[in-house]
């Protein structure tokens, strides 16, 4: 919960820094930005970017692991369907198409 608030605060600071010379920001955000030192703003932004970068890596690794497990689990069945199709007289291309239709990747 604290990390999410930190990220939201950093995103607000990024927006505030981007629009610092315009009058598009609400007064509350401008005063919040003005109360913080430049070092604290830089620290919040760098922490947010680092956490976001690392979280993306962890998320991607977990998706890769799940995908590998699904492929490893379904491979024997796909090989059986391919073998049965080839033994029934289908060519390589037709057997592969049949396996592809039966085991659609989600």
N, C-alpha and C. Protein backbone atom coordinates (compact mmCIF):
# COMPACT_ATOMS: atom_id res chain seq x y z
N UNK A 1 0.82 -1.19 0.00
CA UNK A 1 0.00 0.00 0.00
C UNK A 1 0.86 1.25 0.00
N UNK A 2 1.90 1.24 0.83
CA UNK A 2 2.79 2.41 0.92
C UNK A 2 3.53 2.62 -0.40
N UNK A 3 3.92 1.52 -1.05
CA UNK A 3 4.63 1.61 -2.31
C UNK A 3 3.74 2.19 -3.40
N UNK A 4 2.47 1.82 -3.41
CA UNK A 4 1.54 2.37 -4.39
C UNK A 4 1.37 3.87 -4.20
N UNK A 5 1.27 4.32 -2.95
CA UNK A 5 1.15 5.75 -2.69
C UNK A 5 2.41 6.48 -3.12
N UNK A 6 3.55 5.87 -2.90
CA UNK A 6 4.82 6.46 -3.31
C UNK A 6 4.87 6.60 -4.82
N UNK A 7 4.41 5.57 -5.54
CA UNK A 7 4.40 5.63 -7.00
C UNK A 7 3.43 6.68 -7.52
N UNK A 8 2.27 6.77 -6.91
CA UNK A 8 1.29 7.77 -7.33
C UNK A 8 1.83 9.17 -7.07
N UNK A 9 2.45 9.35 -5.92
CA UNK A 9 3.05 10.64 -5.61
C UNK A 9 4.14 11.02 -6.60
N UNK A 10 4.93 10.05 -6.99
CA UNK A 10 6.00 10.32 -7.95
C UNK A 10 5.44 10.65 -9.33
N UNK A 11 4.39 9.99 -9.71
CA UNK A 11 3.76 10.28 -11.01
C UNK A 11 3.18 11.70 -10.99
N UNK A 12 2.56 12.06 -9.89
CA UNK A 12 2.03 13.42 -9.77
C UNK A 12 3.18 14.43 -9.84
N UNK A 13 4.30 14.12 -9.21
CA UNK A 13 5.45 15.02 -9.27
C UNK A 13 6.00 15.13 -10.68
N UNK A 14 6.05 14.03 -11.41
CA UNK A 14 6.50 14.09 -12.79
C UNK A 14 5.61 15.00 -13.63
N UNK A 15 4.31 14.86 -13.45
CA UNK A 15 3.37 15.71 -14.17
C UNK A 15 3.55 17.17 -13.75
N UNK A 16 3.73 17.38 -12.45
CA UNK A 16 3.92 18.75 -11.96
C UNK A 16 5.19 19.37 -12.52
N UNK A 17 6.24 18.58 -12.62
CA UNK A 17 7.47 19.11 -13.20
C UNK A 17 7.33 19.38 -14.68
N UNK A 18 6.56 18.57 -15.36
CA UNK A 18 6.37 18.77 -16.80
C UNK A 18 5.58 20.04 -17.08
N UNK A 19 4.63 20.35 -16.23
CA UNK A 19 3.79 21.52 -16.44
C UNK A 19 4.10 22.65 -15.46
N UNK A 20 5.34 22.75 -15.00
CA UNK A 20 5.65 23.71 -13.94
C UNK A 20 5.52 25.17 -14.38
N UNK A 21 5.68 25.45 -15.64
CA UNK A 21 5.60 26.84 -16.09
C UNK A 21 4.24 27.19 -16.69
N UNK A 22 3.30 26.30 -16.61
CA UNK A 22 1.97 26.59 -17.14
C UNK A 22 0.99 26.75 -15.99
N UNK A 23 -0.17 27.19 -16.31
CA UNK A 23 -1.20 27.39 -15.29
C UNK A 23 -2.23 26.27 -15.30
N UNK A 24 -1.83 25.09 -15.81
CA UNK A 24 -2.77 23.98 -15.93
C UNK A 24 -2.91 23.16 -14.64
N UNK A 25 -1.99 23.33 -13.72
CA UNK A 25 -2.01 22.53 -12.50
C UNK A 25 -2.90 23.15 -11.43
N UNK A 26 -3.61 22.31 -10.68
CA UNK A 26 -4.38 22.82 -9.54
C UNK A 26 -3.44 23.38 -8.47
N UNK A 27 -3.94 24.29 -7.70
CA UNK A 27 -3.13 24.97 -6.68
C UNK A 27 -2.61 23.98 -5.63
N UNK A 28 -3.38 22.96 -5.34
CA UNK A 28 -2.98 21.98 -4.32
C UNK A 28 -1.72 21.23 -4.74
N UNK A 29 -1.63 20.86 -6.02
CA UNK A 29 -0.45 20.14 -6.51
C UNK A 29 0.76 21.07 -6.55
N UNK A 30 0.53 22.32 -6.92
CA UNK A 30 1.64 23.28 -6.98
C UNK A 30 2.23 23.49 -5.58
N UNK A 31 1.39 23.64 -4.57
CA UNK A 31 1.91 23.83 -3.22
C UNK A 31 2.59 22.57 -2.71
N UNK A 32 2.07 21.40 -3.07
CA UNK A 32 2.71 20.14 -2.67
C UNK A 32 4.10 20.03 -3.28
N UNK A 33 4.22 20.42 -4.55
CA UNK A 33 5.51 20.38 -5.23
C UNK A 33 6.46 21.40 -4.63
N UNK A 34 5.97 22.58 -4.33
CA UNK A 34 6.84 23.63 -3.80
C UNK A 34 7.35 23.33 -2.40
N UNK A 35 6.61 22.52 -1.64
CA UNK A 35 7.03 22.18 -0.28
C UNK A 35 8.15 21.15 -0.26
N UNK A 36 8.37 20.45 -1.35
CA UNK A 36 9.37 19.39 -1.38
C UNK A 36 10.68 19.92 -1.95
N UNK A 37 11.79 19.39 -1.46
CA UNK A 37 13.10 19.80 -1.97
C UNK A 37 13.37 19.08 -3.30
N UNK A 38 14.31 19.61 -4.07
CA UNK A 38 14.65 19.00 -5.34
C UNK A 38 15.25 17.60 -5.15
N UNK A 39 16.00 17.44 -4.07
CA UNK A 39 16.58 16.12 -3.79
C UNK A 39 15.49 15.10 -3.52
N UNK A 40 14.49 15.47 -2.75
CA UNK A 40 13.39 14.54 -2.45
C UNK A 40 12.59 14.21 -3.70
N UNK A 41 12.36 15.20 -4.55
CA UNK A 41 11.64 14.95 -5.81
C UNK A 41 12.43 13.99 -6.68
N UNK A 42 13.74 14.23 -6.81
CA UNK A 42 14.59 13.36 -7.62
C UNK A 42 14.62 11.95 -7.04
N UNK A 43 14.69 11.84 -5.72
CA UNK A 43 14.70 10.53 -5.07
C UNK A 43 13.40 9.78 -5.33
N UNK A 44 12.27 10.45 -5.20
CA UNK A 44 10.98 9.80 -5.44
C UNK A 44 10.86 9.32 -6.88
N UNK A 45 11.28 10.15 -7.81
CA UNK A 45 11.19 9.77 -9.22
C UNK A 45 12.11 8.59 -9.52
N UNK A 46 13.33 8.62 -9.02
CA UNK A 46 14.26 7.53 -9.30
C UNK A 46 13.81 6.22 -8.65
N UNK A 47 13.27 6.29 -7.45
CA UNK A 47 12.77 5.08 -6.78
C UNK A 47 11.59 4.50 -7.55
N UNK A 48 10.69 5.36 -7.99
CA UNK A 48 9.53 4.90 -8.75
C UNK A 48 9.95 4.24 -10.05
N UNK A 49 10.87 4.85 -10.76
CA UNK A 49 11.33 4.26 -12.02
C UNK A 49 12.04 2.93 -11.79
N UNK A 50 12.85 2.85 -10.76
CA UNK A 50 13.55 1.60 -10.46
C UNK A 50 12.59 0.49 -10.08
N UNK A 51 11.65 0.80 -9.21
CA UNK A 51 10.66 -0.20 -8.79
C UNK A 51 9.81 -0.63 -9.99
N UNK A 52 9.41 0.31 -10.81
CA UNK A 52 8.62 -0.03 -11.99
C UNK A 52 9.39 -0.91 -12.95
N UNK A 53 10.65 -0.62 -13.15
CA UNK A 53 11.49 -1.43 -14.05
C UNK A 53 11.65 -2.84 -13.50
N UNK A 54 11.93 -2.96 -12.21
CA UNK A 54 12.12 -4.29 -11.60
C UNK A 54 10.81 -5.07 -11.58
N UNK A 55 9.72 -4.40 -11.27
CA UNK A 55 8.42 -5.09 -11.23
C UNK A 55 8.05 -5.62 -12.60
N UNK A 56 8.36 -4.88 -13.65
CA UNK A 56 8.08 -5.35 -15.00
C UNK A 56 8.89 -6.61 -15.30
N UNK A 57 10.14 -6.64 -14.87
CA UNK A 57 10.98 -7.82 -15.07
C UNK A 57 10.43 -9.04 -14.35
N UNK A 58 10.03 -8.86 -13.10
CA UNK A 58 9.47 -9.98 -12.34
C UNK A 58 8.17 -10.46 -12.96
N UNK A 59 7.31 -9.55 -13.40
CA UNK A 59 6.06 -9.93 -14.03
C UNK A 59 6.31 -10.73 -15.31
N UNK A 60 7.26 -10.26 -16.11
CA UNK A 60 7.57 -10.94 -17.36
C UNK A 60 8.15 -12.33 -17.10
N UNK A 61 9.02 -12.45 -16.12
CA UNK A 61 9.58 -13.76 -15.77
C UNK A 61 8.49 -14.73 -15.32
N UNK A 62 7.52 -14.25 -14.55
CA UNK A 62 6.45 -15.15 -14.10
C UNK A 62 5.59 -15.59 -15.28
N UNK A 63 5.32 -14.69 -16.22
CA UNK A 63 4.57 -15.06 -17.42
C UNK A 63 5.33 -16.09 -18.26
N UNK A 64 6.64 -15.94 -18.35
CA UNK A 64 7.47 -16.89 -19.10
C UNK A 64 7.41 -18.26 -18.44
N UNK A 65 7.52 -18.31 -17.11
CA UNK A 65 7.47 -19.59 -16.40
C UNK A 65 6.13 -20.29 -16.62
N UNK A 66 5.04 -19.54 -16.53
CA UNK A 66 3.71 -20.13 -16.72
C UNK A 66 3.57 -20.66 -18.14
N UNK A 67 4.03 -19.89 -19.12
CA UNK A 67 3.94 -20.32 -20.53
C UNK A 67 4.77 -21.58 -20.77
N UNK A 68 5.97 -21.63 -20.21
CA UNK A 68 6.81 -22.83 -20.38
C UNK A 68 6.16 -24.06 -19.77
N UNK A 69 5.56 -23.89 -18.58
CA UNK A 69 4.88 -25.01 -17.94
C UNK A 69 3.73 -25.53 -18.78
N UNK A 70 2.95 -24.60 -19.35
CA UNK A 70 1.82 -25.00 -20.20
C UNK A 70 2.30 -25.73 -21.44
N UNK A 71 3.38 -25.27 -22.05
CA UNK A 71 3.90 -25.93 -23.24
C UNK A 71 4.43 -27.31 -22.88
N UNK A 72 5.19 -27.42 -21.79
CA UNK A 72 5.73 -28.71 -21.38
C UNK A 72 4.62 -29.70 -21.01
N UNK A 73 3.55 -29.20 -20.40
CA UNK A 73 2.44 -30.06 -20.02
C UNK A 73 1.66 -30.55 -21.24
N UNK A 74 1.49 -29.71 -22.25
CA UNK A 74 0.70 -30.07 -23.42
C UNK A 74 1.47 -30.76 -24.53
N UNK A 75 2.81 -30.78 -24.45
CA UNK A 75 3.60 -31.35 -25.53
C UNK A 75 3.32 -32.84 -25.77
N UNK A 76 3.26 -33.69 -24.75
CA UNK A 76 2.99 -35.11 -25.02
C UNK A 76 1.65 -35.34 -25.74
N UNK A 77 0.61 -34.61 -25.36
CA UNK A 77 -0.68 -34.77 -26.04
C UNK A 77 -0.60 -34.30 -27.48
N UNK A 78 0.08 -33.19 -27.72
CA UNK A 78 0.22 -32.69 -29.09
C UNK A 78 1.01 -33.68 -29.94
N UNK A 79 2.03 -34.29 -29.36
CA UNK A 79 2.83 -35.27 -30.09
C UNK A 79 1.99 -36.51 -30.41
N UNK A 80 1.13 -36.93 -29.48
CA UNK A 80 0.24 -38.06 -29.74
C UNK A 80 -0.73 -37.76 -30.88
N UNK A 81 -1.33 -36.58 -30.86
CA UNK A 81 -2.26 -36.21 -31.93
C UNK A 81 -1.52 -36.16 -33.26
N UNK A 82 -0.32 -35.63 -33.27
CA UNK A 82 0.46 -35.57 -34.50
C UNK A 82 0.77 -36.98 -35.01
N UNK A 83 1.17 -37.86 -34.11
CA UNK A 83 1.52 -39.23 -34.50
C UNK A 83 0.30 -39.97 -35.04
N UNK A 84 -0.85 -39.81 -34.40
CA UNK A 84 -2.07 -40.47 -34.85
C UNK A 84 -2.49 -39.92 -36.22
N UNK A 85 -2.37 -38.60 -36.39
CA UNK A 85 -2.75 -37.99 -37.67
C UNK A 85 -1.84 -38.45 -38.79
N UNK A 86 -0.53 -38.53 -38.51
CA UNK A 86 0.41 -38.98 -39.53
C UNK A 86 0.19 -40.46 -39.86
N UNK A 87 -0.13 -41.27 -38.82
CA UNK A 87 -0.38 -42.69 -39.06
C UNK A 87 -1.67 -42.90 -39.84
N UNK A 88 -2.60 -41.96 -39.73
CA UNK A 88 -3.87 -42.08 -40.45
C UNK A 88 -3.73 -41.68 -41.92
N UNK A 89 -2.57 -41.21 -42.31
CA UNK A 89 -2.33 -40.89 -43.71
C UNK A 89 -2.25 -39.41 -44.03
N UNK A 90 -2.38 -38.56 -43.03
CA UNK A 90 -2.25 -37.13 -43.29
C UNK A 90 -0.78 -36.78 -43.53
N UNK A 91 -0.56 -35.79 -44.35
CA UNK A 91 0.81 -35.31 -44.57
C UNK A 91 1.28 -34.49 -43.38
N UNK A 92 2.54 -34.10 -43.44
CA UNK A 92 3.13 -33.34 -42.34
C UNK A 92 2.37 -32.04 -42.10
N UNK A 93 2.11 -31.29 -43.17
CA UNK A 93 1.42 -30.01 -43.04
C UNK A 93 0.02 -30.17 -42.46
N UNK A 94 -0.72 -31.14 -42.96
CA UNK A 94 -2.08 -31.36 -42.49
C UNK A 94 -2.08 -31.80 -41.03
N UNK A 95 -1.12 -32.65 -40.65
CA UNK A 95 -1.04 -33.10 -39.26
C UNK A 95 -0.70 -31.93 -38.33
N UNK A 96 0.19 -31.06 -38.77
CA UNK A 96 0.54 -29.90 -37.95
C UNK A 96 -0.65 -28.95 -37.82
N UNK A 97 -1.42 -28.79 -38.89
CA UNK A 97 -2.60 -27.95 -38.80
C UNK A 97 -3.63 -28.53 -37.84
N UNK A 98 -3.76 -29.83 -37.86
CA UNK A 98 -4.71 -30.48 -36.94
C UNK A 98 -4.27 -30.29 -35.49
N UNK A 99 -2.98 -30.44 -35.23
CA UNK A 99 -2.47 -30.22 -33.88
C UNK A 99 -2.70 -28.76 -33.48
N UNK A 100 -2.44 -27.84 -34.41
CA UNK A 100 -2.65 -26.42 -34.12
C UNK A 100 -4.09 -26.08 -33.81
N UNK A 101 -5.02 -26.70 -34.52
CA UNK A 101 -6.44 -26.44 -34.25
C UNK A 101 -6.86 -27.03 -32.90
N UNK A 102 -6.31 -28.20 -32.58
CA UNK A 102 -6.71 -28.85 -31.34
C UNK A 102 -6.13 -28.16 -30.11
N UNK A 103 -4.88 -27.69 -30.21
CA UNK A 103 -4.20 -27.07 -29.08
C UNK A 103 -3.94 -25.59 -29.39
N UNK A 104 -4.97 -24.80 -29.30
CA UNK A 104 -4.87 -23.38 -29.59
C UNK A 104 -4.18 -22.69 -28.41
N UNK A 105 -3.16 -21.88 -28.71
CA UNK A 105 -2.46 -21.14 -27.64
C UNK A 105 -3.32 -19.97 -27.19
N UNK A 106 -3.43 -19.84 -25.89
CA UNK A 106 -4.24 -18.75 -25.32
C UNK A 106 -3.34 -17.67 -24.81
